[in-house]
PDB file of N, CA and C in Angstrom:
ATOM      1  N   MET A   1      98.585 112.261 -84.494  1.00  0.00           N
ATOM      2  CA  MET A   1      98.938 110.919 -84.927  1.00  0.00           C
ATOM      3  C   MET A   1      99.234 110.067 -83.708  1.00  0.00           C
ATOM      4  N   ARG A   2      98.769 108.846 -83.737  1.00  0.00           N
ATOM      5  CA  ARG A   2      98.988 107.938 -82.617  1.00  0.00           C
ATOM      6  C   ARG A   2     100.435 107.490 -82.597  1.00  0.00           C
ATOM      7  N   SER A   3     101.043 107.514 -81.425  1.00  0.00           N
ATOM      8  CA  SER A   3     102.450 107.139 -81.308  1.00  0.00           C
ATOM      9  C   SER A   3     102.646 105.635 -81.224  1.00  0.00           C
ATOM     10  N   ASP A   4     101.590 104.860 -80.956  1.00  0.00           N
ATOM     11  CA  ASP A   4     101.735 103.415 -80.821  1.00  0.00           C
ATOM     12  C   ASP A   4     101.701 102.694 -82.163  1.00  0.00           C
ATOM     13  N   ILE A   5     101.495 103.424 -83.254  1.00  0.00           N
ATOM     14  CA  ILE A   5     101.452 102.817 -84.585  1.00  0.00           C
ATOM     15  C   ILE A   5     102.800 103.045 -85.256  1.00  0.00           C
ATOM     16  N   PRO A   6     103.509 101.949 -85.596  1.00  0.00           N
ATOM     17  CA  PRO A   6     104.816 102.136 -86.220  1.00  0.00           C
ATOM     18  C   PRO A   6     104.669 102.730 -87.621  1.00  0.00           C
ATOM     19  N   ARG A   7     105.526 103.665 -87.950  1.00  0.00           N
ATOM     20  CA  ARG A   7     105.550 104.293 -89.263  1.00  0.00           C
ATOM     21  C   ARG A   7     106.988 104.434 -89.707  1.00  0.00           C
ATOM     22  N   PRO A   8     107.273 104.129 -90.958  1.00  0.00           N
ATOM     23  CA  PRO A   8     108.632 104.357 -91.438  1.00  0.00           C
ATOM     24  C   PRO A   8     108.992 105.834 -91.295  1.00  0.00           C
ATOM     25  N   ALA A   9     110.218 106.090 -90.892  1.00  0.00           N
ATOM     26  CA  ALA A   9     110.645 107.462 -90.639  1.00  0.00           C
ATOM     27  C   ALA A   9     110.606 108.326 -91.892  1.00  0.00           C
ATOM     28  N   ASP A  10     110.765 107.721 -93.048  1.00  0.00           N
ATOM     29  CA  ASP A  10     110.850 108.527 -94.263  1.00  0.00           C
ATOM     30  C   ASP A  10     109.503 108.761 -94.940  1.00  0.00           C
ATOM     31  N   VAL A  11     108.400 108.247 -94.396  1.00  0.00           N
ATOM     32  CA  VAL A  11     107.095 108.410 -95.047  1.00  0.00           C
ATOM     33  C   VAL A  11     106.722 109.880 -95.149  1.00  0.00           C
ATOM     34  N   GLU A  12     106.851 110.606 -94.055  1.00  0.00           N
ATOM     35  CA  GLU A  12     106.453 112.002 -94.079  1.00  0.00           C
ATOM     36  C   GLU A  12     107.331 112.817 -95.025  1.00  0.00           C
ATOM     37  N   LYS A  13     108.567 112.421 -95.203  1.00  0.00           N
ATOM     38  CA  LYS A  13     109.457 113.134 -96.109  1.00  0.00           C
ATOM     39  C   LYS A  13     109.004 113.017 -97.556  1.00  0.00           C
ATOM     40  N   THR A  14     108.313 111.926 -97.872  1.00  0.00           N
ATOM     41  CA  THR A  14     107.901 111.716 -99.253  1.00  0.00           C
ATOM     42  C   THR A  14     106.536 112.296 -99.561  1.00  0.00           C
ATOM     43  N   GLN A  15     105.824 112.788 -98.555  1.00  0.00           N
ATOM     44  CA  GLN A  15     104.496 113.334 -98.781  1.00  0.00           C
ATOM     45  C   GLN A  15     104.603 114.783 -99.235  1.00  0.00           C
ATOM     46  N   ALA A  16     103.943 115.063-100.343  1.00  0.00           N
ATOM     47  CA  ALA A  16     103.942 116.428-100.853  1.00  0.00           C
ATOM     48  C   ALA A  16     103.073 117.300 -99.954  1.00  0.00           C
ATOM     49  N   PRO A  17     103.452 118.557 -99.805  1.00  0.00           N
ATOM     50  CA  PRO A  17     102.602 119.435 -99.009  1.00  0.00           C
ATOM     51  C   PRO A  17     101.249 119.591 -99.692  1.00  0.00           C
ATOM     52  N   GLU A  18     100.218 119.819 -98.891  1.00  0.00           N
ATOM     53  CA  GLU A  18      98.878 119.962 -99.434  1.00  0.00           C
ATOM     54  C   GLU A  18      98.811 121.229-100.279  1.00  0.00           C
ATOM     55  N   ASP A  19      98.372 121.089-101.524  1.00  0.00           N
ATOM     56  CA  ASP A  19      98.253 122.266-102.370  1.00  0.00           C
ATOM     57  C   ASP A  19      96.875 122.898-102.215  1.00  0.00           C
ATOM     58  N   ARG A  20      96.704 124.053-102.813  1.00  0.00           N
ATOM     59  CA  ARG A  20      95.454 124.797-102.676  1.00  0.00           C
ATOM     60  C   ARG A  20      94.262 124.004-103.199  1.00  0.00           C
ATOM     61  N   GLU A  21      94.443 123.302-104.333  1.00  0.00           N
ATOM     62  CA  GLU A  21      93.345 122.534-104.912  1.00  0.00           C
ATOM     63  C   GLU A  21      92.911 121.411-103.973  1.00  0.00           C
ATOM     64  N   SER A  22      93.861 120.700-103.370  1.00  0.00           N
ATOM     65  CA  SER A  22      93.518 119.629-102.437  1.00  0.00           C
ATOM     66  C   SER A  22      92.751 120.187-101.240  1.00  0.00           C
ATOM     67  N   ARG A  23      93.163 121.349-100.772  1.00  0.00           N
ATOM     68  CA  ARG A  23      92.492 121.968 -99.634  1.00  0.00           C
ATOM     69  C   ARG A  23      91.053 122.340-100.019  1.00  0.00           C
ATOM     70  N   GLU A  24      90.871 122.903-101.223  1.00  0.00           N
ATOM     71  CA  GLU A  24      89.522 123.258-101.678  1.00  0.00           C
ATOM     72  C   GLU A  24      88.642 122.015-101.806  1.00  0.00           C
ATOM     73  N   ILE A  25      89.198 120.929-102.335  1.00  0.00           N
ATOM     74  CA  ILE A  25      88.436 119.699-102.483  1.00  0.00           C
ATOM     75  C   ILE A  25      88.079 119.136-101.116  1.00  0.00           C
ATOM     76  N   ARG A  26      89.038 119.165-100.173  1.00  0.00           N
ATOM     77  CA  ARG A  26      88.753 118.687 -98.817  1.00  0.00           C
ATOM     78  C   ARG A  26      87.624 119.497 -98.184  1.00  0.00           C
ATOM     79  N   GLU A  27      87.655 120.812 -98.371  1.00  0.00           N
ATOM     80  CA  GLU A  27      86.599 121.658 -97.811  1.00  0.00           C
ATOM     81  C   GLU A  27      85.252 121.348 -98.451  1.00  0.00           C
ATOM     82  N   LYS A  28      85.229 121.109 -99.763  1.00  0.00           N
ATOM     83  CA  LYS A  28      83.978 120.742-100.428  1.00  0.00           C
ATOM     84  C   LYS A  28      83.489 119.384 -99.951  1.00  0.00           C
ATOM     85  N   ARG A  29      84.440 118.432 -99.754  1.00  0.00           N
ATOM     86  CA  ARG A  29      84.047 117.116 -99.263  1.00  0.00           C
ATOM     87  C   ARG A  29      83.419 117.237 -97.878  1.00  0.00           C
ATOM     88  N   GLU A  30      84.018 118.051 -97.030  1.00  0.00           N
ATOM     89  CA  GLU A  30      83.468 118.241 -95.690  1.00  0.00           C
ATOM     90  C   GLU A  30      82.079 118.868 -95.766  1.00  0.00           C
ATOM     91  N   ALA A  31      81.897 119.830 -96.667  1.00  0.00           N
ATOM     92  CA  ALA A  31      80.573 120.443 -96.844  1.00  0.00           C
ATOM     93  C   ALA A  31      79.585 119.414 -97.384  1.00  0.00           C
ATOM     94  N   TRP A  32      80.056 118.563 -98.296  1.00  0.00           N
ATOM     95  CA  TRP A  32      79.191 117.509 -98.853  1.00  0.00           C
ATOM     96  C   TRP A  32      78.771 116.554 -97.745  1.00  0.00           C
ATOM     97  N   GLU A  33      79.719 116.172 -96.880  1.00  0.00           N
ATOM     98  CA  GLU A  33      79.400 115.251 -95.797  1.00  0.00           C
ATOM     99  C   GLU A  33      78.336 115.846 -94.887  1.00  0.00           C
ATOM    100  N   VAL A  34      78.460 117.136 -94.570  1.00  0.00           N
ATOM    101  CA  VAL A  34      77.481 117.791 -93.709  1.00  0.00           C
ATOM    102  C   VAL A  34      76.127 117.809 -94.396  1.00  0.00           C
ATOM    103  N   SER A  35      76.088 118.201 -95.682  1.00  0.00           N
ATOM    104  CA  SER A  35      74.803 118.266 -96.384  1.00  0.00           C
ATOM    105  C   SER A  35      74.216 116.874 -96.561  1.00  0.00           C
ATOM    106  N   HIS A  36      75.081 115.877 -96.796  1.00  0.00           N
ATOM    107  CA  HIS A  36      74.616 114.501 -96.966  1.00  0.00           C
ATOM    108  C   HIS A  36      73.989 113.983 -95.675  1.00  0.00           C
ATOM    109  N   LEU A  37      74.624 114.282 -94.551  1.00  0.00           N
ATOM    110  CA  LEU A  37      74.104 113.841 -93.261  1.00  0.00           C
ATOM    111  C   LEU A  37      72.801 114.549 -92.917  1.00  0.00           C
ATOM    112  N   CYS A  38      72.611 115.745 -93.428  1.00  0.00           N
ATOM    113  CA  CYS A  38      71.395 116.507 -93.143  1.00  0.00           C
ATOM    114  C   CYS A  38      70.278 116.183 -94.124  1.00  0.00           C
ATOM    115  N   GLY A  39      70.505 115.246 -95.044  1.00  0.00           N
ATOM    116  CA  GLY A  39      69.467 114.846 -95.979  1.00  0.00           C
ATOM    117  C   GLY A  39      69.347 115.731 -97.200  1.00  0.00           C
ATOM    118  N   GLN A  40      70.252 116.658 -97.388  1.00  0.00           N
ATOM    119  CA  GLN A  40      70.224 117.508 -98.571  1.00  0.00           C
ATOM    120  C   GLN A  40      70.904 116.774 -99.714  1.00  0.00           C
ATOM    121  N   SER A  41      70.439 116.991-100.925  1.00  0.00           N
ATOM    122  CA  SER A  41      71.030 116.291-102.063  1.00  0.00           C
ATOM    123  C   SER A  41      71.721 117.267-103.007  1.00  0.00           C
ATOM    124  N   GLN A  42      72.365 118.260-102.468  1.00  0.00           N
ATOM    125  CA  GLN A  42      73.047 119.271-103.270  1.00  0.00           C
ATOM    126  C   GLN A  42      74.370 118.711-103.789  1.00  0.00           C
ATOM    127  N   ARG A  43      74.619 118.826-105.104  1.00  0.00           N
ATOM    128  CA  ARG A  43      75.870 118.352-105.688  1.00  0.00           C
ATOM    129  C   ARG A  43      76.899 119.468-105.590  1.00  0.00           C
ATOM    130  N   LEU A  44      77.991 119.206-104.874  1.00  0.00           N
ATOM    131  CA  LEU A  44      79.002 120.229-104.636  1.00  0.00           C
ATOM    132  C   LEU A  44      80.261 120.028-105.470  1.00  0.00           C
ATOM    133  N   TYR A  45      80.392 118.887-106.127  1.00  0.00           N
ATOM    134  CA  TYR A  45      81.597 118.563-106.887  1.00  0.00           C
ATOM    135  C   TYR A  45      81.311 118.512-108.381  1.00  0.00           C
ATOM    136  N   THR A  46      82.275 118.910-109.171  1.00  0.00           N
ATOM    137  CA  THR A  46      82.228 118.622-110.601  1.00  0.00           C
ATOM    138  C   THR A  46      82.814 117.230-110.792  1.00  0.00           C
ATOM    139  N   ASP A  47      82.570 116.617-111.944  1.00  0.00           N
ATOM    140  CA  ASP A  47      83.148 115.304-112.212  1.00  0.00           C
ATOM    141  C   ASP A  47      84.674 115.356-112.147  1.00  0.00           C
ATOM    142  N   ALA A  48      85.259 116.435-112.629  1.00  0.00           N
ATOM    143  CA  ALA A  48      86.722 116.567-112.598  1.00  0.00           C
ATOM    144  C   ALA A  48      87.237 116.625-111.160  1.00  0.00           C
ATOM    145  N   GLU A  49      86.518 117.313-110.286  1.00  0.00           N
ATOM    146  CA  GLU A  49      86.932 117.385-108.884  1.00  0.00           C
ATOM    147  C   GLU A  49      86.802 116.023-108.210  1.00  0.00           C
ATOM    148  N   ILE A  50      85.730 115.297-108.531  1.00  0.00           N
ATOM    149  CA  ILE A  50      85.557 113.959-107.961  1.00  0.00           C
ATOM    150  C   ILE A  50      86.677 113.054-108.435  1.00  0.00           C
ATOM    151  N   LEU A  51      86.995 113.114-109.722  1.00  0.00           N
ATOM    152  CA  LEU A  51      88.067 112.287-110.268  1.00  0.00           C
ATOM    153  C   LEU A  51      89.397 112.610-109.588  1.00  0.00           C
ATOM    154  N   ALA A  52      89.661 113.889-109.383  1.00  0.00           N
ATOM    155  CA  ALA A  52      90.898 114.288-108.698  1.00  0.00           C
ATOM    156  C   ALA A  52      90.925 113.715-107.280  1.00  0.00           C
ATOM    157  N   GLU A  53      89.794 113.754-106.605  1.00  0.00           N
ATOM    158  CA  GLU A  53      89.718 113.226-105.240  1.00  0.00           C
ATOM    159  C   GLU A  53      89.858 111.706-105.211  1.00  0.00           C
ATOM    160  N   LEU A  54      89.274 111.030-106.212  1.00  0.00           N
ATOM    161  CA  LEU A  54      89.357 109.564-106.269  1.00  0.00           C
ATOM    162  C   LEU A  54      90.800 109.092-106.407  1.00  0.00           C
ATOM    163  N   PHE A  55      91.636 109.877-107.080  1.00  0.00           N
ATOM    164  CA  PHE A  55      93.015 109.459-107.334  1.00  0.00           C
ATOM    165  C   PHE A  55      94.039 110.167-106.452  1.00  0.00           C
ATOM    166  N   ARG A  56      93.572 110.919-105.467  1.00  0.00           N
ATOM    167  CA  ARG A  56      94.463 111.560-104.512  1.00  0.00           C
ATOM    168  C   ARG A  56      94.844 110.542-103.434  1.00  0.00           C
ATOM    169  N   TYR A  57      96.028 110.665-102.886  1.00  0.00           N
ATOM    170  CA  TYR A  57      96.433 109.808-101.776  1.00  0.00           C
ATOM    171  C   TYR A  57      95.662 110.229-100.525  1.00  0.00           C
ATOM    172  N   HIS A  58      95.060 109.258 -99.851  1.00  0.00           N
ATOM    173  CA  HIS A  58      94.301 109.511 -98.631  1.00  0.00           C
ATOM    174  C   HIS A  58      95.032 108.840 -97.470  1.00  0.00           C
ATOM    175  N   PRO A  59      95.846 109.581 -96.735  1.00  0.00           N
ATOM    176  CA  PRO A  59      96.594 108.960 -95.642  1.00  0.00           C
ATOM    177  C   PRO A  59      95.650 108.482 -94.549  1.00  0.00           C
ATOM    178  N   PRO A  60      96.023 107.407 -93.863  1.00  0.00           N
ATOM    179  CA  PRO A  60      95.176 106.928 -92.773  1.00  0.00           C
ATOM    180  C   PRO A  60      95.106 107.952 -91.647  1.00  0.00           C
ATOM    181  N   THR A  61      93.974 107.968 -90.985  1.00  0.00           N
ATOM    182  CA  THR A  61      93.778 108.856 -89.836  1.00  0.00           C
ATOM    183  C   THR A  61      93.511 107.984 -88.611  1.00  0.00           C
ATOM    184  N   ASP A  62      93.439 108.607 -87.471  1.00  0.00           N
ATOM    185  CA  ASP A  62      93.104 107.858 -86.251  1.00  0.00           C
ATOM    186  C   ASP A  62      91.734 107.199 -86.374  1.00  0.00           C
ATOM    187  N   GLU A  63      90.845 107.796 -87.157  1.00  0.00           N
ATOM    188  CA  GLU A  63      89.505 107.241 -87.340  1.00  0.00           C
ATOM    189  C   GLU A  63      89.492 106.085 -88.345  1.00  0.00           C
ATOM    190  N   THR A  64      90.258 106.208 -89.436  1.00  0.00           N
ATOM    191  CA  THR A  64      90.205 105.185 -90.486  1.00  0.00           C
ATOM    192  C   THR A  64      91.144 104.011 -90.241  1.00  0.00           C
ATOM    193  N   LEU A  65      92.212 104.218 -89.500  1.00  0.00           N
ATOM    194  CA  LEU A  65      93.204 103.162 -89.294  1.00  0.00           C
ATOM    195  C   LEU A  65      92.615 101.885 -88.709  1.00  0.00           C
ATOM    196  N   PRO A  66      91.791 101.937 -87.663  1.00  0.00           N
ATOM    197  CA  PRO A  66      91.212 100.688 -87.140  1.00  0.00           C
ATOM    198  C   PRO A  66      90.261 100.026 -88.134  1.00  0.00           C
ATOM    199  N   LYS A  67      89.600 100.822 -88.958  1.00  0.00           N
ATOM    200  CA  LYS A  67      88.708 100.265 -89.982  1.00  0.00           C
ATOM    201  C   LYS A  67      89.519  99.517 -91.037  1.00  0.00           C
ATOM    202  N   PHE A  68      90.618 100.129 -91.478  1.00  0.00           N
ATOM    203  CA  PHE A  68      91.506  99.452 -92.436  1.00  0.00           C
ATOM    204  C   PHE A  68      92.018  98.143 -91.841  1.00  0.00           C
ATOM    205  N   ALA A  69      92.433  98.190 -90.586  1.00  0.00           N
ATOM    206  CA  ALA A  69      92.979  96.998 -89.925  1.00  0.00           C
ATOM    207  C   ALA A  69      91.937  95.888 -89.852  1.00  0.00           C
ATOM    208  N   ALA A  70      90.687  96.233 -89.551  1.00  0.00           N
ATOM    209  CA  ALA A  70      89.629  95.225 -89.467  1.00  0.00           C
ATOM    210  C   ALA A  70      89.372  94.585 -90.827  1.00  0.00           C
ATOM    211  N   ILE A  71      89.308  95.396 -91.865  1.00  0.00           N
ATOM    212  CA  ILE A  71      89.112  94.880 -93.232  1.00  0.00           C
ATOM    213  C   ILE A  71      90.278  93.976 -93.619  1.00  0.00           C
ATOM    214  N   ASN A  72      91.496  94.434 -93.365  1.00  0.00           N
ATOM    215  CA  ASN A  72      92.681  93.658 -93.736  1.00  0.00           C
ATOM    216  C   ASN A  72      92.724  92.321 -93.001  1.00  0.00           C
ATOM    217  N   GLN A  73      92.391  92.314 -91.717  1.00  0.00           N
ATOM    218  CA  GLN A  73      92.420  91.068 -90.952  1.00  0.00           C
ATOM    219  C   GLN A  73      91.356  90.101 -91.445  1.00  0.00           C
ATOM    220  N   ALA A  74      90.164  90.608 -91.723  1.00  0.00           N
ATOM    221  CA  ALA A  74      89.087  89.747 -92.223  1.00  0.00           C
ATOM    222  C   ALA A  74      89.456  89.149 -93.579  1.00  0.00           C
ATOM    223  N   ALA A  75      90.058  89.957 -94.448  1.00  0.00           N
ATOM    224  CA  ALA A  75      90.467  89.461 -95.766  1.00  0.00           C
ATOM    225  C   ALA A  75      91.552  88.393 -95.615  1.00  0.00           C
ATOM    226  N   LYS A  76      92.508  88.633 -94.727  1.00  0.00           N
ATOM    227  CA  LYS A  76      93.565  87.644 -94.499  1.00  0.00           C
ATOM    228  C   LYS A  76      92.981  86.344 -93.962  1.00  0.00           C
ATOM    229  N   ASN A  77      92.055  86.441 -93.014  1.00  0.00           N
ATOM    230  CA  ASN A  77      91.419  85.242 -92.461  1.00  0.00           C
ATOM    231  C   ASN A  77      90.715  84.449 -93.554  1.00  0.00           C
ATOM    232  N   PHE A  78      89.967  85.141 -94.405  1.00  0.00           N
ATOM    233  CA  PHE A  78      89.254  84.471 -95.486  1.00  0.00           C
ATOM    234  C   PHE A  78      90.239  83.818 -96.459  1.00  0.00           C
ATOM    235  N   ALA A  79      91.313  84.515 -96.797  1.00  0.00           N
ATOM    236  CA  ALA A  79      92.321  83.964 -97.706  1.00  0.00           C
ATOM    237  C   ALA A  79      92.947  82.704 -97.112  1.00  0.00           C
ATOM    238  N   GLU A  80      93.195  82.710 -95.803  1.00  0.00           N
ATOM    239  CA  GLU A  80      93.752  81.525 -95.146  1.00  0.00           C
ATOM    240  C   GLU A  80      92.782  80.347 -95.226  1.00  0.00           C
ATOM    241  N   ILE A  81      91.500  80.591 -95.062  1.00  0.00           N
ATOM    242  CA  ILE A  81      90.482  79.534 -95.180  1.00  0.00           C
ATOM    243  C   ILE A  81      90.466  78.965 -96.595  1.00  0.00           C
ATOM    244  N   VAL A  82      90.550  79.854 -97.573  1.00  0.00           N
ATOM    245  CA  VAL A  82      90.581  79.401 -98.971  1.00  0.00           C
ATOM    246  C   VAL A  82      91.808  78.521 -99.201  1.00  0.00           C
ATOM    247  N   LEU A  83      92.967  78.962 -98.725  1.00  0.00           N
ATOM    248  CA  LEU A  83      94.193  78.169 -98.906  1.00  0.00           C
ATOM    249  C   LEU A  83      94.105  76.809 -98.225  1.00  0.00           C
ATOM    250  N   GLN A  84      93.496  76.755 -97.053  1.00  0.00           N
ATOM    251  CA  GLN A  84      93.397  75.503 -96.301  1.00  0.00           C
ATOM    252  C   GLN A  84      92.383  74.529 -96.890  1.00  0.00           C
ATOM    253  N   ASN A  85      91.392  75.028 -97.603  1.00  0.00           N
ATOM    254  CA  ASN A  85      90.289  74.182 -98.026  1.00  0.00           C
ATOM    255  C   ASN A  85      90.171  73.960 -99.530  1.00  0.00           C
ATOM    256  N   CYS A  86      90.847  74.738-100.317  1.00  0.00           N
ATOM    257  CA  CYS A  86      90.741  74.596-101.771  1.00  0.00           C
ATOM    258  C   CYS A  86      92.025  73.982-102.325  1.00  0.00           C
ATOM    259  N   PRO A  87      91.897  73.046-103.247  1.00  0.00           N
ATOM    260  CA  PRO A  87      93.099  72.484-103.853  1.00  0.00           C
ATOM    261  C   PRO A  87      93.801  73.539-104.712  1.00  0.00           C
ATOM    262  N   ALA A  88      95.126  73.421-104.790  1.00  0.00           N
ATOM    263  CA  ALA A  88      95.895  74.351-105.619  1.00  0.00           C
ATOM    264  C   ALA A  88      95.348  74.298-107.039  1.00  0.00           C
ATOM    265  N   SER A  89      94.956  75.440-107.546  1.00  0.00           N
ATOM    266  CA  SER A  89      94.366  75.502-108.885  1.00  0.00           C
ATOM    267  C   SER A  89      94.266  76.957-109.316  1.00  0.00           C
ATOM    268  N   ALA A  90      93.902  77.137-110.570  1.00  0.00           N
ATOM    269  CA  ALA A  90      93.682  78.489-111.089  1.00  0.00           C
ATOM    270  C   ALA A  90      92.528  79.157-110.341  1.00  0.00           C
ATOM    271  N   ASP A  91      91.500  78.365-109.988  1.00  0.00           N
ATOM    272  CA  ASP A  91      90.366  78.936-109.262  1.00  0.00           C
ATOM    273  C   ASP A  91      90.773  79.409-107.868  1.00  0.00           C
ATOM    274  N   ARG A  92      91.632  78.655-107.184  1.00  0.00           N
ATOM    275  CA  ARG A  92      92.091  79.090-105.865  1.00  0.00           C
ATOM    276  C   ARG A  92      92.888  80.388-105.996  1.00  0.00           C
ATOM    277  N   SER A  93      93.759  80.447-107.005  1.00  0.00           N
ATOM    278  CA  SER A  93      94.527  81.682-107.231  1.00  0.00           C
ATOM    279  C   SER A  93      93.601  82.855-107.519  1.00  0.00           C
ATOM    280  N   ALA A  94      92.568  82.608-108.328  1.00  0.00           N
ATOM    281  CA  ALA A  94      91.613  83.669-108.653  1.00  0.00           C
ATOM    282  C   ALA A  94      90.863  84.115-107.393  1.00  0.00           C
ATOM    283  N   ALA A  95      90.502  83.154-106.539  1.00  0.00           N
ATOM    284  CA  ALA A  95      89.794  83.495-105.308  1.00  0.00           C
ATOM    285  C   ALA A  95      90.647  84.401-104.430  1.00  0.00           C
ATOM    286  N   ILE A  96      91.912  84.079-104.283  1.00  0.00           N
ATOM    287  CA  ILE A  96      92.823  84.905-103.477  1.00  0.00           C
ATOM    288  C   ILE A  96      92.947  86.296-104.094  1.00  0.00           C
ATOM    289  N   ARG A  97      93.082  86.351-105.406  1.00  0.00           N
ATOM    290  CA  ARG A  97      93.189  87.635-106.103  1.00  0.00           C
ATOM    291  C   ARG A  97      91.924  88.483-105.871  1.00  0.00           C
ATOM    292  N   LEU A  98      90.761  87.854-105.937  1.00  0.00           N
ATOM    293  CA  LEU A  98      89.512  88.586-105.723  1.00  0.00           C
ATOM    294  C   LEU A  98      89.366  89.045-104.270  1.00  0.00           C
ATOM    295  N   ILE A  99      89.865  88.260-103.332  1.00  0.00           N
ATOM    296  CA  ILE A  99      89.857  88.695-101.923  1.00  0.00           C
ATOM    297  C   ILE A  99      90.717  89.945-101.777  1.00  0.00           C
ATOM    298  N   ARG A 100      91.876  89.935-102.427  1.00  0.00           N
ATOM    299  CA  ARG A 100      92.748  91.123-102.390  1.00  0.00           C
ATOM    300  C   ARG A 100      92.040  92.328-103.003  1.00  0.00           C
ATOM    301  N   ASP A 101      91.382  92.113-104.136  1.00  0.00           N
ATOM    302  CA  ASP A 101      90.649  93.204-104.780  1.00  0.00           C
ATOM    303  C   ASP A 101      89.544  93.728-103.872  1.00  0.00           C
ATOM    304  N   ALA A 102      88.813  92.819-103.232  1.00  0.00           N
ATOM    305  CA  ALA A 102      87.737  93.224-102.331  1.00  0.00           C
ATOM    306  C   ALA A 102      88.293  94.025-101.157  1.00  0.00           C
ATOM    307  N   ARG A 103      89.424  93.588-100.623  1.00  0.00           N
ATOM    308  CA  ARG A 103      90.058  94.320 -99.518  1.00  0.00           C
ATOM    309  C   ARG A 103      90.438  95.727 -99.947  1.00  0.00           C
ATOM    310  N   MET A 104      91.053  95.838-101.116  1.00  0.00           N
ATOM    311  CA  MET A 104      91.471  97.165-101.590  1.00  0.00           C
ATOM    312  C   MET A 104      90.264  98.062-101.861  1.00  0.00           C
ATOM    313  N   THR A 105      89.205  97.499-102.424  1.00  0.00           N
ATOM    314  CA  THR A 105      88.011  98.279-102.713  1.00  0.00           C
ATOM    315  C   THR A 105      87.321  98.716-101.422  1.00  0.00           C
ATOM    316  N   ALA A 106      87.261  97.830-100.445  1.00  0.00           N
ATOM    317  CA  ALA A 106      86.669  98.189 -99.153  1.00  0.00           C
ATOM    318  C   ALA A 106      87.484  99.294 -98.478  1.00  0.00           C
ATOM    319  N   ASN A 107      88.804  99.189 -98.527  1.00  0.00           N
ATOM    320  CA  ASN A 107      89.643 100.230 -97.939  1.00  0.00           C
ATOM    321  C   ASN A 107      89.468 101.553 -98.683  1.00  0.00           C
ATOM    322  N   ALA A 108      89.291 101.495-100.004  1.00  0.00           N
ATOM    323  CA  ALA A 108      89.032 102.718-100.770  1.00  0.00           C
ATOM    324  C   ALA A 108      87.703 103.342-100.340  1.00  0.00           C
ATOM    325  N   ALA A 109      86.695 102.518-100.097  1.00  0.00           N
ATOM    326  CA  ALA A 109      85.403 103.038 -99.639  1.00  0.00           C
ATOM    327  C   ALA A 109      85.563 103.781 -98.312  1.00  0.00           C
ATOM    328  N   ILE A 110      86.398 103.241 -97.442  1.00  0.00           N
ATOM    329  CA  ILE A 110      86.652 103.904 -96.152  1.00  0.00           C
ATOM    330  C   ILE A 110      87.379 105.216 -96.386  1.00  0.00           C
ATOM    331  N   ALA A 111      88.446 105.177 -97.187  1.00  0.00           N
ATOM    332  CA  ALA A 111      89.263 106.378 -97.417  1.00  0.00           C
ATOM    333  C   ALA A 111      88.455 107.484 -98.096  1.00  0.00           C
ATOM    334  N   LEU A 112      87.585 107.101 -99.033  1.00  0.00           N
ATOM    335  CA  LEU A 112      86.815 108.097 -99.790  1.00  0.00           C
ATOM    336  C   LEU A 112      85.538 108.533 -99.078  1.00  0.00           C
ATOM    337  N   ASN A 113      85.178 107.834 -98.007  1.00  0.00           N
ATOM    338  CA  ASN A 113      84.026 108.194 -97.194  1.00  0.00           C
ATOM    339  C   ASN A 113      82.748 108.367 -98.031  1.00  0.00           C
ATOM    340  N   GLY A 114      82.541 107.430 -98.961  1.00  0.00           N
ATOM    341  CA  GLY A 114      81.300 107.437 -99.746  1.00  0.00           C
ATOM    342  C   GLY A 114      81.344 108.226-101.024  1.00  0.00           C
ATOM    343  N   LEU A 115      82.429 108.911-101.300  1.00  0.00           N
ATOM    344  CA  LEU A 115      82.529 109.715-102.525  1.00  0.00           C
ATOM    345  C   LEU A 115      82.651 108.799-103.732  1.00  0.00           C
ATOM    346  N   SER A 116      81.868 109.063-104.779  1.00  0.00           N
ATOM    347  CA  SER A 116      81.980 108.304-106.024  1.00  0.00           C
ATOM    348  C   SER A 116      81.412 109.125-107.163  1.00  0.00           C
ATOM    349  N   LEU A 117      81.673 108.679-108.367  1.00  0.00           N
ATOM    350  CA  LEU A 117      81.117 109.344-109.556  1.00  0.00           C
ATOM    351  C   LEU A 117      79.706 108.887-109.800  1.00  0.00           C
TER     352      LEU A 117
END
């Protein structure tokens, strides 16, 4: 973990230890990534395993953290442009809400590394 990134001291205390099922899913995901990169189309997950992975907490890593930061900054910049240029209205509120949704969905794509149903 990078020491230059501030983290609340109690975050690690609240994280549950990795259980056997999470470890098995992580290993299958890694195997899927290797087969996917090699052009193989072998399905390694059941729908239930994919669903479990979709709803598992994916902590940021040294690799994903800068990607999350870039997405978040771009979304914030766009939201600021919307606020500066659109009159206060339901449409402006909806635009901001959709920017937030897009940011969260983009971050999920990064965290899940292409995994989907």
